[in-house]
């Protein structure tokens, strides 16, 4: 079974991909969720954030449907 860091990387990559797909910068995401850009940047670079943060970010960038494929872990 994948270790914790594998799951953290997968979560961060999913969120980063959606930001890129929507054309949203870390600064814009921070503005949308009422956070500071360095906080958002750190969370995404470390992959250490809660499921609530991920859901908040996805809702803020208007991702209403997300398909996650867990193959390769």
N, C-alpha and C. Protein backbone atom coordinates (compact mmCIF):
# COMPACT_ATOMS: atom_id res chain seq x y z
N UNK A 1 0.85 -1.19 0.00
CA UNK A 1 0.00 0.00 0.00
C UNK A 1 0.89 1.24 0.00
N UNK A 2 0.50 2.26 -0.76
CA UNK A 2 1.30 3.49 -0.80
C UNK A 2 1.41 4.14 0.59
N UNK A 3 2.54 4.78 0.84
CA UNK A 3 2.69 5.44 2.13
C UNK A 3 2.06 6.83 2.09
N UNK A 4 2.05 7.48 3.25
CA UNK A 4 1.38 8.78 3.40
C UNK A 4 1.88 9.80 2.38
N UNK A 5 3.18 9.86 2.15
CA UNK A 5 3.70 10.87 1.23
C UNK A 5 3.22 10.64 -0.20
N UNK A 6 3.00 9.38 -0.59
CA UNK A 6 2.45 9.10 -1.91
C UNK A 6 1.04 9.68 -2.06
N UNK A 7 0.23 9.53 -1.02
CA UNK A 7 -1.13 10.07 -1.04
C UNK A 7 -1.11 11.60 -1.03
N UNK A 8 -0.20 12.18 -0.26
CA UNK A 8 -0.09 13.63 -0.22
C UNK A 8 0.30 14.18 -1.59
N UNK A 9 1.24 13.53 -2.24
CA UNK A 9 1.67 13.95 -3.57
C UNK A 9 0.53 13.83 -4.58
N UNK A 10 -0.22 12.75 -4.48
CA UNK A 10 -1.35 12.55 -5.40
C UNK A 10 -2.39 13.65 -5.21
N UNK A 11 -2.72 13.98 -3.96
CA UNK A 11 -3.70 15.03 -3.68
C UNK A 11 -3.20 16.38 -4.21
N UNK A 12 -1.95 16.69 -3.96
CA UNK A 12 -1.38 17.96 -4.42
C UNK A 12 -1.39 18.02 -5.95
N UNK A 13 -1.04 16.93 -6.60
CA UNK A 13 -1.03 16.91 -8.07
C UNK A 13 -2.42 17.07 -8.66
N UNK A 14 -3.40 16.48 -8.02
CA UNK A 14 -4.79 16.64 -8.49
C UNK A 14 -5.20 18.11 -8.41
N UNK A 15 -4.93 18.74 -7.27
CA UNK A 15 -5.32 20.13 -7.09
C UNK A 15 -4.53 21.04 -8.03
N UNK A 16 -3.24 20.81 -8.16
CA UNK A 16 -2.42 21.62 -9.07
C UNK A 16 -2.92 21.48 -10.51
N UNK A 17 -3.29 20.28 -10.90
CA UNK A 17 -3.79 20.05 -12.26
C UNK A 17 -5.07 20.82 -12.52
N UNK A 18 -5.95 20.81 -11.55
CA UNK A 18 -7.21 21.54 -11.71
C UNK A 18 -6.98 23.05 -11.74
N UNK A 19 -6.05 23.54 -10.95
CA UNK A 19 -5.72 24.97 -11.00
C UNK A 19 -5.20 25.33 -12.39
N UNK A 20 -4.32 24.52 -12.91
CA UNK A 20 -3.75 24.77 -14.24
C UNK A 20 -4.84 24.72 -15.31
N UNK A 21 -5.70 23.72 -15.21
CA UNK A 21 -6.79 23.55 -16.18
C UNK A 21 -7.70 24.77 -16.19
N UNK A 22 -7.93 25.35 -15.02
CA UNK A 22 -8.82 26.51 -14.90
C UNK A 22 -8.08 27.83 -15.12
N UNK A 23 -6.76 27.79 -15.23
CA UNK A 23 -5.98 29.00 -15.41
C UNK A 23 -5.92 29.86 -14.16
N UNK A 24 -5.93 29.21 -12.99
CA UNK A 24 -5.96 29.91 -11.70
C UNK A 24 -4.56 29.86 -11.08
N UNK A 25 -4.05 31.01 -10.70
CA UNK A 25 -2.75 31.08 -10.02
C UNK A 25 -2.95 30.84 -8.53
N UNK A 26 -1.83 30.60 -7.84
CA UNK A 26 -1.89 30.46 -6.39
C UNK A 26 -2.41 31.75 -5.75
N UNK A 27 -2.00 32.89 -6.29
CA UNK A 27 -2.46 34.18 -5.76
C UNK A 27 -3.97 34.31 -5.90
N UNK A 28 -4.50 33.93 -7.05
CA UNK A 28 -5.95 34.01 -7.28
C UNK A 28 -6.69 33.05 -6.37
N UNK A 29 -6.16 31.83 -6.22
CA UNK A 29 -6.80 30.86 -5.33
C UNK A 29 -6.81 31.41 -3.91
N UNK A 30 -5.69 31.96 -3.47
CA UNK A 30 -5.62 32.52 -2.12
C UNK A 30 -6.68 33.60 -1.93
N UNK A 31 -6.84 34.45 -2.93
CA UNK A 31 -7.86 35.50 -2.88
C UNK A 31 -9.26 34.90 -2.80
N UNK A 32 -9.51 33.87 -3.59
CA UNK A 32 -10.83 33.25 -3.63
C UNK A 32 -11.22 32.57 -2.31
N UNK A 33 -10.23 32.01 -1.62
CA UNK A 33 -10.55 31.29 -0.38
C UNK A 33 -10.24 32.10 0.87
N UNK A 34 -9.75 33.34 0.69
CA UNK A 34 -9.47 34.19 1.84
C UNK A 34 -8.23 33.79 2.61
N UNK A 35 -7.23 33.33 1.91
CA UNK A 35 -5.97 32.93 2.52
C UNK A 35 -4.86 33.78 1.92
N UNK A 36 -3.65 33.56 2.36
CA UNK A 36 -2.49 34.27 1.82
C UNK A 36 -1.77 33.38 0.82
N UNK A 37 -1.23 34.00 -0.23
CA UNK A 37 -0.56 33.23 -1.28
C UNK A 37 0.56 32.33 -0.74
N UNK A 38 1.43 32.82 0.16
CA UNK A 38 2.48 31.92 0.67
C UNK A 38 1.93 30.68 1.37
N UNK A 39 0.81 30.83 2.07
CA UNK A 39 0.19 29.68 2.74
C UNK A 39 -0.27 28.65 1.71
N UNK A 40 -0.94 29.13 0.66
CA UNK A 40 -1.42 28.23 -0.39
C UNK A 40 -0.25 27.56 -1.09
N UNK A 41 0.76 28.34 -1.44
CA UNK A 41 1.94 27.81 -2.11
C UNK A 41 2.62 26.73 -1.27
N UNK A 42 2.77 26.99 0.03
CA UNK A 42 3.40 26.01 0.92
C UNK A 42 2.59 24.73 1.04
N UNK A 43 1.27 24.87 1.18
CA UNK A 43 0.42 23.68 1.29
C UNK A 43 0.56 22.81 0.04
N UNK A 44 0.54 23.45 -1.12
CA UNK A 44 0.60 22.67 -2.36
C UNK A 44 2.00 22.11 -2.62
N UNK A 45 3.03 22.83 -2.23
CA UNK A 45 4.37 22.30 -2.47
C UNK A 45 4.70 21.15 -1.52
N UNK A 46 4.20 21.21 -0.30
CA UNK A 46 4.44 20.13 0.66
C UNK A 46 3.45 18.99 0.49
N UNK A 47 2.28 19.30 -0.07
CA UNK A 47 1.23 18.28 -0.17
C UNK A 47 0.55 18.04 1.16
N UNK A 48 0.76 18.93 2.10
CA UNK A 48 0.18 18.77 3.44
C UNK A 48 -0.99 19.73 3.60
N UNK A 49 -2.18 19.22 3.33
CA UNK A 49 -3.38 20.01 3.53
C UNK A 49 -4.54 19.05 3.79
N UNK A 50 -5.57 19.59 4.39
CA UNK A 50 -6.72 18.77 4.76
C UNK A 50 -7.62 18.52 3.56
N UNK A 51 -8.47 17.55 3.71
CA UNK A 51 -9.49 17.29 2.68
C UNK A 51 -10.40 18.50 2.58
N UNK A 52 -10.67 19.15 3.71
CA UNK A 52 -11.52 20.35 3.71
C UNK A 52 -10.89 21.46 2.86
N UNK A 53 -9.57 21.65 2.97
CA UNK A 53 -8.88 22.65 2.14
C UNK A 53 -9.03 22.29 0.67
N UNK A 54 -8.84 21.03 0.34
CA UNK A 54 -8.95 20.63 -1.07
C UNK A 54 -10.35 20.87 -1.60
N UNK A 55 -11.36 20.51 -0.82
CA UNK A 55 -12.74 20.73 -1.26
C UNK A 55 -13.04 22.23 -1.38
N UNK A 56 -12.55 23.02 -0.43
CA UNK A 56 -12.75 24.47 -0.48
C UNK A 56 -12.11 25.05 -1.74
N UNK A 57 -10.90 24.62 -2.04
CA UNK A 57 -10.19 25.11 -3.22
C UNK A 57 -10.93 24.70 -4.50
N UNK A 58 -11.34 23.45 -4.58
CA UNK A 58 -12.04 22.98 -5.77
C UNK A 58 -13.35 23.72 -5.97
N UNK A 59 -14.08 23.97 -4.89
CA UNK A 59 -15.33 24.72 -4.99
C UNK A 59 -15.06 26.16 -5.43
N UNK A 60 -14.00 26.76 -4.90
CA UNK A 60 -13.67 28.15 -5.22
C UNK A 60 -13.32 28.32 -6.70
N UNK A 61 -12.71 27.31 -7.29
CA UNK A 61 -12.34 27.41 -8.71
C UNK A 61 -13.40 26.75 -9.60
N UNK A 62 -14.53 26.45 -8.98
CA UNK A 62 -15.73 25.96 -9.67
C UNK A 62 -15.52 24.62 -10.38
N UNK A 63 -14.80 23.72 -9.70
CA UNK A 63 -14.70 22.34 -10.17
C UNK A 63 -15.82 21.59 -9.47
N UNK A 64 -16.85 21.26 -10.23
CA UNK A 64 -18.02 20.62 -9.65
C UNK A 64 -18.04 19.12 -9.86
N UNK A 65 -17.16 18.66 -10.72
CA UNK A 65 -17.12 17.24 -11.04
C UNK A 65 -15.65 16.86 -11.19
N UNK A 66 -15.23 15.84 -10.46
CA UNK A 66 -13.83 15.45 -10.48
C UNK A 66 -13.73 13.95 -10.54
N UNK A 67 -13.01 13.46 -11.52
CA UNK A 67 -12.76 12.02 -11.63
C UNK A 67 -11.34 11.76 -11.21
N UNK A 68 -11.18 10.89 -10.24
CA UNK A 68 -9.87 10.58 -9.70
C UNK A 68 -9.54 9.12 -10.02
N UNK A 69 -8.40 8.93 -10.65
CA UNK A 69 -7.96 7.58 -10.98
C UNK A 69 -6.74 7.29 -10.11
N UNK A 70 -6.82 6.24 -9.31
CA UNK A 70 -5.79 5.93 -8.35
C UNK A 70 -4.82 4.85 -8.83
N UNK A 71 -4.82 4.59 -10.11
CA UNK A 71 -3.88 3.61 -10.65
C UNK A 71 -2.47 4.16 -10.57
N UNK A 72 -1.52 3.30 -10.41
CA UNK A 72 -0.13 3.72 -10.39
C UNK A 72 0.37 4.11 -9.02
N UNK A 73 -0.45 3.94 -8.01
CA UNK A 73 0.02 4.21 -6.65
C UNK A 73 0.44 2.94 -5.98
